[in-house]
């Protein structure tokens, strides 16, 4: 029932938070393993797969909103391993400075996403209270 109260943009914010949470975990793993020989850096993608899935759903279906909503709900971030990247002679692929920069950028994106979700829920709360 609650799923029907939220717009597609709110569902997108939920998926964005899932992506950003996954990305933060991957970045943390990369930093933790910065001294591990032969460790290959990981990275996360989400937008490309979501875009492809939505375009496919719109092209192949009757373009109902429920079709797009189901695609959004099924979308998940994908973790990749950068096999060909090596930063050091021991074949470790982690650039700690780059990872720390990405962690900071991701934290700011998470804060922005949480602010958007909070505004949406505040508006919904006001609507329910009749204010």
N, C-alpha and C. Protein backbone atom coordinates (compact mmCIF):
# COMPACT_ATOMS: atom_id res chain seq x y z
N UNK A 1 0.82 -1.20 0.00
CA UNK A 1 0.00 0.00 0.00
C UNK A 1 0.86 1.26 0.00
N UNK A 2 1.89 1.28 0.83
CA UNK A 2 2.72 2.48 0.92
C UNK A 2 3.40 2.79 -0.41
N UNK A 3 3.68 1.77 -1.21
CA UNK A 3 4.33 1.99 -2.49
C UNK A 3 3.52 2.86 -3.42
N UNK A 4 2.19 2.86 -3.26
CA UNK A 4 1.34 3.67 -4.12
C UNK A 4 1.31 5.13 -3.71
N UNK A 5 1.78 5.43 -2.50
CA UNK A 5 1.82 6.82 -2.04
C UNK A 5 2.98 7.58 -2.65
N UNK A 6 3.99 6.87 -3.09
CA UNK A 6 5.20 7.52 -3.56
C UNK A 6 5.22 7.63 -5.08
N UNK A 7 5.80 8.71 -5.54
CA UNK A 7 5.94 8.94 -6.96
C UNK A 7 7.13 8.15 -7.50
N UNK A 8 7.24 8.12 -8.83
CA UNK A 8 8.41 7.48 -9.44
C UNK A 8 9.70 8.16 -8.99
N UNK A 9 9.65 9.47 -8.78
CA UNK A 9 10.86 10.17 -8.34
C UNK A 9 11.25 9.73 -6.94
N UNK A 10 10.28 9.45 -6.07
CA UNK A 10 10.59 8.96 -4.73
C UNK A 10 11.20 7.55 -4.82
N UNK A 11 10.67 6.72 -5.70
CA UNK A 11 11.26 5.40 -5.91
C UNK A 11 12.68 5.52 -6.44
N UNK A 12 12.91 6.52 -7.30
CA UNK A 12 14.26 6.74 -7.82
C UNK A 12 15.20 7.17 -6.69
N UNK A 13 14.70 7.97 -5.77
CA UNK A 13 15.53 8.40 -4.63
C UNK A 13 15.88 7.19 -3.75
N UNK A 14 14.93 6.29 -3.58
CA UNK A 14 15.20 5.07 -2.81
C UNK A 14 16.29 4.24 -3.49
N UNK A 15 16.20 4.10 -4.80
CA UNK A 15 17.21 3.34 -5.53
C UNK A 15 18.55 4.08 -5.53
N UNK A 16 18.50 5.41 -5.59
CA UNK A 16 19.74 6.19 -5.53
C UNK A 16 20.44 5.96 -4.20
N UNK A 17 19.67 5.91 -3.11
CA UNK A 17 20.27 5.64 -1.80
C UNK A 17 20.88 4.24 -1.77
N UNK A 18 20.22 3.26 -2.37
CA UNK A 18 20.76 1.90 -2.43
C UNK A 18 22.09 1.90 -3.19
N UNK A 19 22.12 2.61 -4.32
CA UNK A 19 23.35 2.72 -5.11
C UNK A 19 24.46 3.39 -4.30
N UNK A 20 24.13 4.51 -3.66
CA UNK A 20 25.14 5.26 -2.92
C UNK A 20 25.65 4.47 -1.72
N UNK A 21 24.77 3.72 -1.08
CA UNK A 21 25.18 2.89 0.05
C UNK A 21 26.13 1.78 -0.43
N UNK A 22 25.77 1.15 -1.53
CA UNK A 22 26.63 0.11 -2.12
C UNK A 22 27.97 0.70 -2.53
N UNK A 23 27.93 1.88 -3.15
CA UNK A 23 29.16 2.54 -3.58
C UNK A 23 30.06 2.85 -2.38
N UNK A 24 29.47 3.32 -1.29
CA UNK A 24 30.26 3.64 -0.10
C UNK A 24 30.92 2.38 0.46
N UNK A 25 30.19 1.27 0.47
CA UNK A 25 30.76 0.01 0.94
C UNK A 25 31.92 -0.45 0.06
N UNK A 26 31.77 -0.31 -1.24
CA UNK A 26 32.83 -0.71 -2.18
C UNK A 26 34.05 0.19 -1.99
N UNK A 27 33.83 1.49 -1.85
CA UNK A 27 34.95 2.41 -1.63
C UNK A 27 35.68 2.05 -0.33
N UNK A 28 34.91 1.77 0.71
CA UNK A 28 35.53 1.37 1.99
C UNK A 28 36.35 0.10 1.82
N UNK A 29 35.83 -0.89 1.10
CA UNK A 29 36.59 -2.12 0.83
C UNK A 29 37.88 -1.81 0.09
N UNK A 30 37.79 -0.91 -0.89
CA UNK A 30 38.99 -0.55 -1.65
C UNK A 30 40.05 0.08 -0.75
N UNK A 31 39.63 1.01 0.10
CA UNK A 31 40.59 1.67 1.00
C UNK A 31 41.17 0.68 2.00
N UNK A 32 40.34 -0.18 2.54
CA UNK A 32 40.81 -1.19 3.50
C UNK A 32 41.85 -2.09 2.87
N UNK A 33 41.69 -2.40 1.58
CA UNK A 33 42.60 -3.32 0.90
C UNK A 33 43.71 -2.61 0.13
N UNK A 34 43.97 -1.35 0.46
CA UNK A 34 44.99 -0.57 -0.26
C UNK A 34 46.38 -1.18 -0.15
N UNK A 35 46.64 -1.96 0.88
CA UNK A 35 47.96 -2.58 1.07
C UNK A 35 47.96 -4.07 0.75
N UNK A 36 46.87 -4.58 0.22
CA UNK A 36 46.77 -6.02 -0.09
C UNK A 36 47.35 -6.29 -1.48
N UNK A 37 48.39 -7.11 -1.57
CA UNK A 37 48.95 -7.43 -2.89
C UNK A 37 47.89 -8.08 -3.80
N UNK A 38 47.93 -7.74 -5.07
CA UNK A 38 47.06 -8.28 -6.11
C UNK A 38 45.59 -7.89 -5.96
N UNK A 39 45.25 -7.00 -5.05
CA UNK A 39 43.86 -6.57 -4.90
C UNK A 39 43.50 -5.66 -6.07
N UNK A 40 42.39 -5.94 -6.70
CA UNK A 40 41.91 -5.13 -7.82
C UNK A 40 40.79 -4.23 -7.34
N UNK A 41 40.88 -2.96 -7.67
CA UNK A 41 39.90 -1.98 -7.25
C UNK A 41 38.53 -2.33 -7.83
N UNK A 42 37.49 -2.08 -7.05
CA UNK A 42 36.11 -2.31 -7.48
C UNK A 42 35.43 -0.96 -7.67
N UNK A 43 34.41 -0.96 -8.52
CA UNK A 43 33.61 0.24 -8.71
C UNK A 43 32.17 -0.18 -8.98
N UNK A 44 31.25 0.76 -8.79
CA UNK A 44 29.83 0.46 -8.88
C UNK A 44 29.20 1.27 -9.99
N UNK A 45 28.31 0.65 -10.76
CA UNK A 45 27.52 1.37 -11.76
C UNK A 45 26.05 1.13 -11.47
N UNK A 46 25.25 2.08 -11.86
CA UNK A 46 23.81 1.97 -11.65
C UNK A 46 23.04 2.68 -12.75
N UNK A 47 23.42 3.91 -13.04
CA UNK A 47 22.65 4.75 -13.94
C UNK A 47 22.48 4.13 -15.34
N UNK A 48 23.56 3.57 -15.86
CA UNK A 48 23.51 3.02 -17.22
C UNK A 48 22.52 1.86 -17.30
N UNK A 49 22.55 0.98 -16.32
CA UNK A 49 21.65 -0.17 -16.32
C UNK A 49 20.19 0.26 -16.13
N UNK A 50 19.97 1.20 -15.24
CA UNK A 50 18.62 1.71 -15.02
C UNK A 50 18.08 2.39 -16.28
N UNK A 51 18.89 3.22 -16.89
CA UNK A 51 18.48 3.90 -18.12
C UNK A 51 18.14 2.89 -19.22
N UNK A 52 19.00 1.89 -19.38
CA UNK A 52 18.75 0.87 -20.40
C UNK A 52 17.46 0.11 -20.10
N UNK A 53 17.25 -0.25 -18.86
CA UNK A 53 16.06 -1.00 -18.47
C UNK A 53 14.78 -0.20 -18.69
N UNK A 54 14.80 1.08 -18.32
CA UNK A 54 13.61 1.92 -18.51
C UNK A 54 13.31 2.11 -19.99
N UNK A 55 14.35 2.36 -20.78
CA UNK A 55 14.14 2.53 -22.22
C UNK A 55 13.57 1.26 -22.85
N UNK A 56 14.08 0.12 -22.43
CA UNK A 56 13.58 -1.16 -22.93
C UNK A 56 12.13 -1.37 -22.51
N UNK A 57 11.80 -1.06 -21.27
CA UNK A 57 10.42 -1.22 -20.79
C UNK A 57 9.47 -0.31 -21.56
N UNK A 58 9.89 0.92 -21.82
CA UNK A 58 9.03 1.85 -22.56
C UNK A 58 8.87 1.44 -24.02
N UNK A 59 9.90 0.85 -24.58
CA UNK A 59 9.83 0.44 -25.98
C UNK A 59 9.02 -0.84 -26.15
N UNK A 60 9.12 -1.77 -25.20
CA UNK A 60 8.51 -3.09 -25.37
C UNK A 60 7.17 -3.28 -24.67
N UNK A 61 6.72 -2.31 -23.91
CA UNK A 61 5.47 -2.50 -23.18
C UNK A 61 4.41 -1.54 -23.68
N UNK A 62 3.31 -1.53 -22.97
CA UNK A 62 2.25 -0.61 -23.32
C UNK A 62 2.44 0.74 -22.64
N UNK A 63 3.65 0.98 -22.13
CA UNK A 63 4.06 2.26 -21.56
C UNK A 63 3.27 2.64 -20.31
N UNK A 64 2.75 1.67 -19.61
CA UNK A 64 2.03 1.95 -18.37
C UNK A 64 3.03 2.36 -17.29
N UNK A 65 2.55 3.20 -16.39
CA UNK A 65 3.41 3.65 -15.28
C UNK A 65 3.84 2.47 -14.43
N UNK A 66 2.99 1.46 -14.30
CA UNK A 66 3.34 0.30 -13.46
C UNK A 66 4.53 -0.44 -14.04
N UNK A 67 4.68 -0.43 -15.36
CA UNK A 67 5.81 -1.09 -16.00
C UNK A 67 7.11 -0.37 -15.64
N UNK A 68 7.10 0.97 -15.70
CA UNK A 68 8.27 1.75 -15.34
C UNK A 68 8.57 1.60 -13.86
N UNK A 69 7.54 1.61 -13.02
CA UNK A 69 7.72 1.43 -11.58
C UNK A 69 8.36 0.09 -11.27
N UNK A 70 7.93 -0.96 -11.96
CA UNK A 70 8.51 -2.28 -11.69
C UNK A 70 9.97 -2.33 -12.11
N UNK A 71 10.32 -1.64 -13.20
CA UNK A 71 11.72 -1.59 -13.64
C UNK A 71 12.56 -0.85 -12.60
N UNK A 72 12.03 0.26 -12.09
CA UNK A 72 12.75 1.02 -11.06
C UNK A 72 12.94 0.15 -9.82
N UNK A 73 11.90 -0.55 -9.41
CA UNK A 73 11.99 -1.40 -8.21
C UNK A 73 12.98 -2.54 -8.37
N UNK A 74 13.12 -3.07 -9.57
CA UNK A 74 14.01 -4.21 -9.80
C UNK A 74 15.46 -3.80 -10.00
N UNK A 75 15.70 -2.54 -10.28
CA UNK A 75 17.06 -2.09 -10.59
C UNK A 75 17.96 -2.17 -9.37
N UNK A 76 19.16 -2.65 -9.60
CA UNK A 76 20.14 -2.79 -8.52
C UNK A 76 21.51 -2.31 -9.03
N UNK A 77 22.31 -1.76 -8.12
CA UNK A 77 23.67 -1.38 -8.51
C UNK A 77 24.50 -2.62 -8.84
N UNK A 78 25.46 -2.44 -9.72
CA UNK A 78 26.32 -3.54 -10.16
C UNK A 78 27.76 -3.23 -9.74
N UNK A 79 28.40 -4.18 -9.07
CA UNK A 79 29.79 -4.02 -8.64
C UNK A 79 30.69 -4.67 -9.68
N UNK A 80 31.66 -3.92 -10.17
CA UNK A 80 32.62 -4.40 -11.17
C UNK A 80 34.01 -4.42 -10.56
N UNK A 81 34.87 -5.25 -11.11
CA UNK A 81 36.27 -5.30 -10.70
C UNK A 81 37.12 -4.80 -11.87
N UNK A 82 37.97 -3.83 -11.61
CA UNK A 82 38.85 -3.27 -12.63
C UNK A 82 40.07 -4.17 -12.74
N UNK A 83 40.00 -5.16 -13.58
CA UNK A 83 41.05 -6.17 -13.71
C UNK A 83 42.37 -5.62 -14.23
N UNK A 84 42.31 -4.62 -15.09
CA UNK A 84 43.53 -4.16 -15.77
C UNK A 84 44.19 -2.95 -15.12
N UNK A 85 43.72 -2.56 -13.95
CA UNK A 85 44.32 -1.41 -13.28
C UNK A 85 45.27 -1.86 -12.18
N UNK A 86 46.48 -1.31 -12.22
CA UNK A 86 47.48 -1.62 -11.21
C UNK A 86 48.21 -0.34 -10.85
N UNK A 87 48.26 -0.05 -9.55
CA UNK A 87 48.89 1.19 -9.09
C UNK A 87 50.33 0.97 -8.62
N UNK A 88 50.64 -0.28 -8.25
CA UNK A 88 51.95 -0.54 -7.66
C UNK A 88 52.56 -1.81 -8.27
N UNK A 89 53.79 -2.05 -7.89
CA UNK A 89 54.49 -3.23 -8.41
C UNK A 89 53.89 -4.53 -7.88
N UNK A 90 53.21 -4.50 -6.72
CA UNK A 90 52.61 -5.73 -6.20
C UNK A 90 51.23 -5.99 -6.80
N UNK A 91 50.89 -5.26 -7.87
CA UNK A 91 49.63 -5.42 -8.62
C UNK A 91 48.40 -4.95 -7.88
N UNK A 92 48.57 -4.13 -6.87
CA UNK A 92 47.43 -3.56 -6.18
C UNK A 92 46.88 -2.42 -7.03
N UNK A 93 45.56 -2.35 -7.18
CA UNK A 93 44.95 -1.35 -8.06
C UNK A 93 44.32 -0.17 -7.36
N UNK A 94 44.59 0.04 -6.09
CA UNK A 94 43.91 1.09 -5.32
C UNK A 94 44.73 2.38 -5.29
N UNK A 95 44.12 3.46 -5.72
CA UNK A 95 44.67 4.80 -5.55
C UNK A 95 43.89 5.40 -4.38
N UNK A 96 44.51 5.46 -3.20
CA UNK A 96 43.82 5.86 -1.98
C UNK A 96 43.28 7.29 -2.09
N UNK A 97 44.04 8.19 -2.66
CA UNK A 97 43.59 9.58 -2.81
C UNK A 97 42.32 9.64 -3.65
N UNK A 98 42.31 8.90 -4.73
CA UNK A 98 41.13 8.85 -5.59
C UNK A 98 39.93 8.27 -4.84
N UNK A 99 40.16 7.22 -4.08
CA UNK A 99 39.08 6.58 -3.33
C UNK A 99 38.53 7.50 -2.24
N UNK A 100 39.42 8.22 -1.56
CA UNK A 100 38.97 9.16 -0.53
C UNK A 100 38.17 10.31 -1.14
N UNK A 101 38.58 10.77 -2.31
CA UNK A 101 37.83 11.81 -3.01
C UNK A 101 36.45 11.30 -3.38
N UNK A 102 36.38 10.08 -3.90
CA UNK A 102 35.08 9.48 -4.25
C UNK A 102 34.21 9.28 -3.02
N UNK A 103 34.81 8.90 -1.90
CA UNK A 103 34.05 8.71 -0.66
C UNK A 103 33.43 10.03 -0.22
N UNK A 104 34.18 11.12 -0.33
CA UNK A 104 33.66 12.44 0.03
C UNK A 104 32.54 12.85 -0.91
N UNK A 105 32.76 12.68 -2.20
CA UNK A 105 31.73 13.02 -3.20
C UNK A 105 30.46 12.20 -2.95
N UNK A 106 30.64 10.92 -2.69
CA UNK A 106 29.49 10.05 -2.46
C UNK A 106 28.74 10.45 -1.18
N UNK A 107 29.47 10.83 -0.14
CA UNK A 107 28.83 11.26 1.11
C UNK A 107 27.98 12.51 0.87
N UNK A 108 28.48 13.44 0.07
CA UNK A 108 27.71 14.63 -0.25
C UNK A 108 26.48 14.29 -1.08
N UNK A 109 26.62 13.35 -2.01
CA UNK A 109 25.47 12.91 -2.81
C UNK A 109 24.43 12.23 -1.93
N UNK A 110 24.89 11.44 -0.96
CA UNK A 110 23.96 10.79 -0.04
C UNK A 110 23.21 11.84 0.78
N UNK A 111 23.90 12.87 1.25
CA UNK A 111 23.25 13.93 2.01
C UNK A 111 22.20 14.63 1.17
N UNK A 112 22.53 14.92 -0.07
CA UNK A 112 21.57 15.57 -0.97
C UNK A 112 20.35 14.68 -1.18
N UNK A 113 20.57 13.40 -1.42
CA UNK A 113 19.46 12.46 -1.63
C UNK A 113 18.58 12.38 -0.38
N UNK A 114 19.20 12.32 0.79
CA UNK A 114 18.43 12.30 2.03
C UNK A 114 17.62 13.59 2.20
N UNK A 115 18.18 14.72 1.83
CA UNK A 115 17.45 15.98 1.90
C UNK A 115 16.22 15.95 0.99
N UNK A 116 16.36 15.42 -0.21
CA UNK A 116 15.24 15.33 -1.14
C UNK A 116 14.16 14.40 -0.57
N UNK A 117 14.57 13.25 -0.05
CA UNK A 117 13.62 12.31 0.54
C UNK A 117 12.91 12.97 1.72
N UNK A 118 13.64 13.67 2.55
CA UNK A 118 13.06 14.34 3.70
C UNK A 118 12.02 15.39 3.28
N UNK A 119 12.33 16.17 2.25
CA UNK A 119 11.37 17.17 1.76
C UNK A 119 10.11 16.49 1.24
N UNK A 120 10.27 15.39 0.53
CA UNK A 120 9.11 14.65 0.00
C UNK A 120 8.24 14.13 1.14
N UNK A 121 8.86 13.55 2.16
CA UNK A 121 8.11 13.02 3.29
C UNK A 121 7.47 14.13 4.12
N UNK A 122 8.14 15.26 4.24
CA UNK A 122 7.57 16.40 4.96
C UNK A 122 6.32 16.91 4.23
N UNK A 123 6.39 16.97 2.92
CA UNK A 123 5.22 17.37 2.13
C UNK A 123 4.08 16.38 2.27
N UNK A 124 4.39 15.12 2.27
CA UNK A 124 3.37 14.08 2.45
C UNK A 124 2.74 14.19 3.83
N UNK A 125 3.57 14.41 4.84
CA UNK A 125 3.08 14.56 6.22
C UNK A 125 2.14 15.76 6.31
N UNK A 126 2.50 16.88 5.69
CA UNK A 126 1.65 18.07 5.70
C UNK A 126 0.34 17.80 5.00
N UNK A 127 0.39 17.06 3.91
CA UNK A 127 -0.82 16.71 3.17
C UNK A 127 -1.75 15.84 4.03
N UNK A 128 -1.18 14.88 4.73
CA UNK A 128 -1.98 13.99 5.57
C UNK A 128 -2.62 14.77 6.73
N UNK A 129 -1.85 15.68 7.32
CA UNK A 129 -2.37 16.48 8.44
C UNK A 129 -3.35 17.55 7.97
N UNK A 130 -3.37 17.82 6.67
CA UNK A 130 -4.27 18.83 6.14
C UNK A 130 -3.77 20.25 6.32
N UNK A 131 -2.48 20.42 6.35
CA UNK A 131 -1.90 21.74 6.55
C UNK A 131 -1.44 22.35 5.26
